[in-house]
Every structure is written in structure tokens, then in C-alpha cells.
Amino acid sequence: MRKPRTKTLALLALGALLAAAVLARIRLAPQADIGAGFVAKQVCSCVFVGGRDETACRLDLRPDLAPVRSEQLADGVHAWVPLLASRTAHVHEGTGCTLD
């Protein structure tokens, strides 16, 4: 009986890994988009309407939103989950923050 070749096994492993990554992205992307949007809107409202510091606002969020990163902009907040989703909320005078 012939032994499997290392190159063939490596290609099969790489293919399986790629398929798993694609399936994970398909499954997680919608949840990541919702989480990024929630963080962007909440932190924007907290900072620009509530007048609080971004770091203090992040402490108000649930611990399961820790993978969502955020960055304060001049007129809003950009939030993202690396490789999965990105959302931005902008402040509007008199009406508060809204998602793009």
C-alpha cells in the first residue's frame, strides 16, 4: 500500500482550514456587524451627548462586547470587529448619534 504524500496532506489540511475560516466568517459576520453598530452608537451617545470619557463609556458595555474595538472621531465613533465588521456613528446637533 502506498503511503500518503506529505504535500497532499498539507494541501488537504490547508483546504480544510480555509473552508472552516469561510464558514466561521459567514456565521459570525452578522453578529459582529450588530455588535459593532451597538458599540458605535452607545459610545457615541455616551461621549457626545452624555459628555463622558470614551474609556468610562466602554466600561458601561457588557463584557461580551470586549472584542469590539472603538475609536473616537471628531464627530462620532468608529467601532469594528477585526476582519468581520465595521460601523460608524456620527453625532448630529440637536438629535444625538446615528449609525451610517
C-alpha atoms as a PDB file:
ATOM      1  CA  MET A   1       0.000   0.000   0.000  1.00  0.00           C
ATOM      2  CA  ARG A   2       1.296   3.446  -0.913  1.00  0.00           C
ATOM      3  CA  LYS A   3       1.973   5.985   1.847  1.00  0.00           C
ATOM      4  CA  PRO A   4       0.165   9.358   1.596  1.00  0.00           C
ATOM      5  CA  ARG A   5       2.392  12.132   0.427  1.00  0.00           C
ATOM      6  CA  THR A   6       3.191  14.967   2.819  1.00  0.00           C
ATOM      7  CA  LYS A   7       2.403  17.597   0.187  1.00  0.00           C
ATOM      8  CA  THR A   8      -1.054  16.134  -0.449  1.00  0.00           C
ATOM      9  CA  LEU A   9      -1.832  16.021   3.255  1.00  0.00           C
ATOM     10  CA  ALA A  10      -0.638  19.595   3.693  1.00  0.00           C
ATOM     11  CA  LEU A  11      -2.881  20.779   0.842  1.00  0.00           C
ATOM     12  CA  LEU A  12      -5.856  18.921   2.295  1.00  0.00           C
ATOM     13  CA  ALA A  13      -5.219  20.462   5.722  1.00  0.00           C
ATOM     14  CA  LEU A  14      -4.903  23.921   4.181  1.00  0.00           C
ATOM     15  CA  GLY A  15      -8.153  23.428   2.271  1.00  0.00           C
ATOM     16  CA  ALA A  16      -9.971  22.308   5.410  1.00  0.00           C
ATOM     17  CA  LEU A  17      -8.632  25.307   7.325  1.00  0.00           C
ATOM     18  CA  LEU A  18      -9.712  27.694   4.582  1.00  0.00           C
ATOM     19  CA  ALA A  19     -13.202  26.150   4.452  1.00  0.00           C
ATOM     20  CA  ALA A  20     -13.528  26.456   8.239  1.00  0.00           C
ATOM     21  CA  ALA A  21     -12.469  30.115   8.087  1.00  0.00           C
ATOM     22  CA  VAL A  22     -15.023  30.888   5.361  1.00  0.00           C
ATOM     23  CA  LEU A  23     -17.815  29.165   7.295  1.00  0.00           C
ATOM     24  CA  ALA A  24     -16.861  30.994  10.504  1.00  0.00           C
ATOM     25  CA  ARG A  25     -16.901  34.331   8.681  1.00  0.00           C
ATOM     26  CA  ILE A  26     -20.312  33.629   7.155  1.00  0.00           C
ATOM     27  CA  ARG A  27     -21.726  32.672  10.530  1.00  0.00           C
ATOM     28  CA  LEU A  28     -20.086  35.386  12.670  1.00  0.00           C
ATOM     29  CA  ALA A  29     -20.228  38.410  10.345  1.00  0.00           C
ATOM     30  CA  PRO A  30     -23.895  39.328  11.021  1.00  0.00           C
ATOM     31  CA  GLN A  31     -23.379  39.152  14.793  1.00  0.00           C
ATOM     32  CA  ALA A  32     -20.163  41.157  14.529  1.00  0.00           C
ATOM     33  CA  ASP A  33     -21.963  43.821  12.491  1.00  0.00           C
ATOM     34  CA  ILE A  34     -24.674  44.156  15.147  1.00  0.00           C
ATOM     35  CA  GLY A  35     -22.080  44.336  17.926  1.00  0.00           C
ATOM     36  CA  ALA A  36     -20.007  46.955  16.114  1.00  0.00           C
ATOM     37  CA  GLY A  37     -23.108  49.048  15.433  1.00  0.00           C
ATOM     38  CA  PHE A  38     -24.240  48.802  19.049  1.00  0.00           C
ATOM     39  CA  VAL A  39     -20.841  49.846  20.402  1.00  0.00           C
ATOM     40  CA  ALA A  40     -20.504  52.717  17.914  1.00  0.00           C
ATOM     41  CA  LYS A  41     -23.950  54.100  18.776  1.00  0.00           C
ATOM     42  CA  GLN A  42     -23.693  53.619  22.543  1.00  0.00           C
ATOM     43  CA  VAL A  43     -20.206  55.078  22.883  1.00  0.00           C
ATOM     44  CA  CYS A  44     -21.057  57.976  20.547  1.00  0.00           C
ATOM     45  CA  SER A  45     -24.122  58.864  22.614  1.00  0.00           C
ATOM     46  CA  CYS A  46     -22.215  58.468  25.867  1.00  0.00           C
ATOM     47  CA  VAL A  47     -19.317  60.678  24.726  1.00  0.00           C
ATOM     48  CA  PHE A  48     -21.058  63.369  22.680  1.00  0.00           C
ATOM     49  CA  VAL A  49     -24.466  63.538  24.358  1.00  0.00           C
ATOM     50  CA  GLY A  50     -23.523  62.443  27.874  1.00  0.00           C
ATOM     51  CA  GLY A  51     -20.217  64.295  27.923  1.00  0.00           C
ATOM     52  CA  ARG A  52     -18.247  61.370  29.342  1.00  0.00           C
ATOM     53  CA  ASP A  53     -14.816  59.974  28.501  1.00  0.00           C
ATOM     54  CA  GLU A  54     -14.660  57.142  25.941  1.00  0.00           C
ATOM     55  CA  THR A  55     -12.856  54.852  28.389  1.00  0.00           C
ATOM     56  CA  ALA A  56     -15.576  55.351  31.010  1.00  0.00           C
ATOM     57  CA  CYS A  57     -18.258  54.745  28.382  1.00  0.00           C
ATOM     58  CA  ARG A  58     -16.661  51.433  27.362  1.00  0.00           C
ATOM     59  CA  LEU A  59     -16.899  50.259  30.986  1.00  0.00           C
ATOM     60  CA  ASP A  60     -20.697  50.539  30.756  1.00  0.00           C
ATOM     61  CA  LEU A  61     -20.836  47.927  27.982  1.00  0.00           C
ATOM     62  CA  ARG A  62     -21.332  44.212  28.550  1.00  0.00           C
ATOM     63  CA  PRO A  63     -18.137  42.137  28.873  1.00  0.00           C
ATOM     64  CA  ASP A  64     -19.036  40.031  25.818  1.00  0.00           C
ATOM     65  CA  LEU A  65     -18.561  43.148  23.665  1.00  0.00           C
ATOM     66  CA  ALA A  66     -14.852  43.320  24.571  1.00  0.00           C
ATOM     67  CA  PRO A  67     -13.743  42.028  21.111  1.00  0.00           C
ATOM     68  CA  VAL A  68     -15.367  45.108  19.531  1.00  0.00           C
ATOM     69  CA  ARG A  69     -12.773  47.867  19.202  1.00  0.00           C
ATOM     70  CA  SER A  70     -13.713  51.549  19.103  1.00  0.00           C
ATOM     71  CA  GLU A  71     -12.086  54.831  18.213  1.00  0.00           C
ATOM     72  CA  GLN A  72     -13.405  58.307  18.905  1.00  0.00           C
ATOM     73  CA  LEU A  73     -13.587  60.571  15.859  1.00  0.00           C
ATOM     74  CA  ALA A  74     -14.045  64.345  15.738  1.00  0.00           C
ATOM     75  CA  ASP A  75     -17.766  63.922  15.055  1.00  0.00           C
ATOM     76  CA  GLY A  76     -18.547  60.374  16.166  1.00  0.00           C
ATOM     77  CA  VAL A  77     -17.242  56.913  16.962  1.00  0.00           C
ATOM     78  CA  HIS A  78     -15.930  54.168  14.704  1.00  0.00           C
ATOM     79  CA  ALA A  79     -16.268  50.594  16.032  1.00  0.00           C
ATOM     80  CA  TRP A  80     -15.089  47.348  14.470  1.00  0.00           C
ATOM     81  CA  VAL A  81     -14.506  43.660  14.982  1.00  0.00           C
ATOM     82  CA  PRO A  82     -11.214  42.835  13.232  1.00  0.00           C
ATOM     83  CA  LEU A  83     -11.729  41.060   9.887  1.00  0.00           C
ATOM     84  CA  LEU A  84     -15.511  40.837  10.361  1.00  0.00           C
ATOM     85  CA  ALA A  85     -17.405  44.129  10.656  1.00  0.00           C
ATOM     86  CA  SER A  86     -17.089  47.895  10.897  1.00  0.00           C
ATOM     87  CA  ARG A  87     -19.679  50.565  11.785  1.00  0.00           C
ATOM     88  CA  THR A  88     -19.562  54.321  12.437  1.00  0.00           C
ATOM     89  CA  ALA A  89     -21.950  56.546  14.376  1.00  0.00           C
ATOM     90  CA  HIS A  90     -21.920  60.327  13.911  1.00  0.00           C
ATOM     91  CA  VAL A  91     -23.298  62.968  16.251  1.00  0.00           C
ATOM     92  CA  HIS A  92     -25.846  65.433  14.867  1.00  0.00           C
ATOM     93  CA  GLU A  93     -26.567  68.657  16.713  1.00  0.00           C
ATOM     94  CA  GLY A  94     -29.901  68.504  18.483  1.00  0.00           C
ATOM     95  CA  THR A  95     -30.704  64.890  17.560  1.00  0.00           C
ATOM     96  CA  GLY A  96     -27.846  62.837  19.008  1.00  0.00           C
ATOM     97  CA  CYS A  97     -25.928  59.998  17.351  1.00  0.00           C
ATOM     98  CA  THR A  98     -26.992  57.889  14.388  1.00  0.00           C
ATOM     99  CA  LEU A  99     -25.347  54.997  12.569  1.00  0.00           C
ATOM    100  CA  ASP A 100     -24.178  55.425   8.998  1.00  0.00           C
END
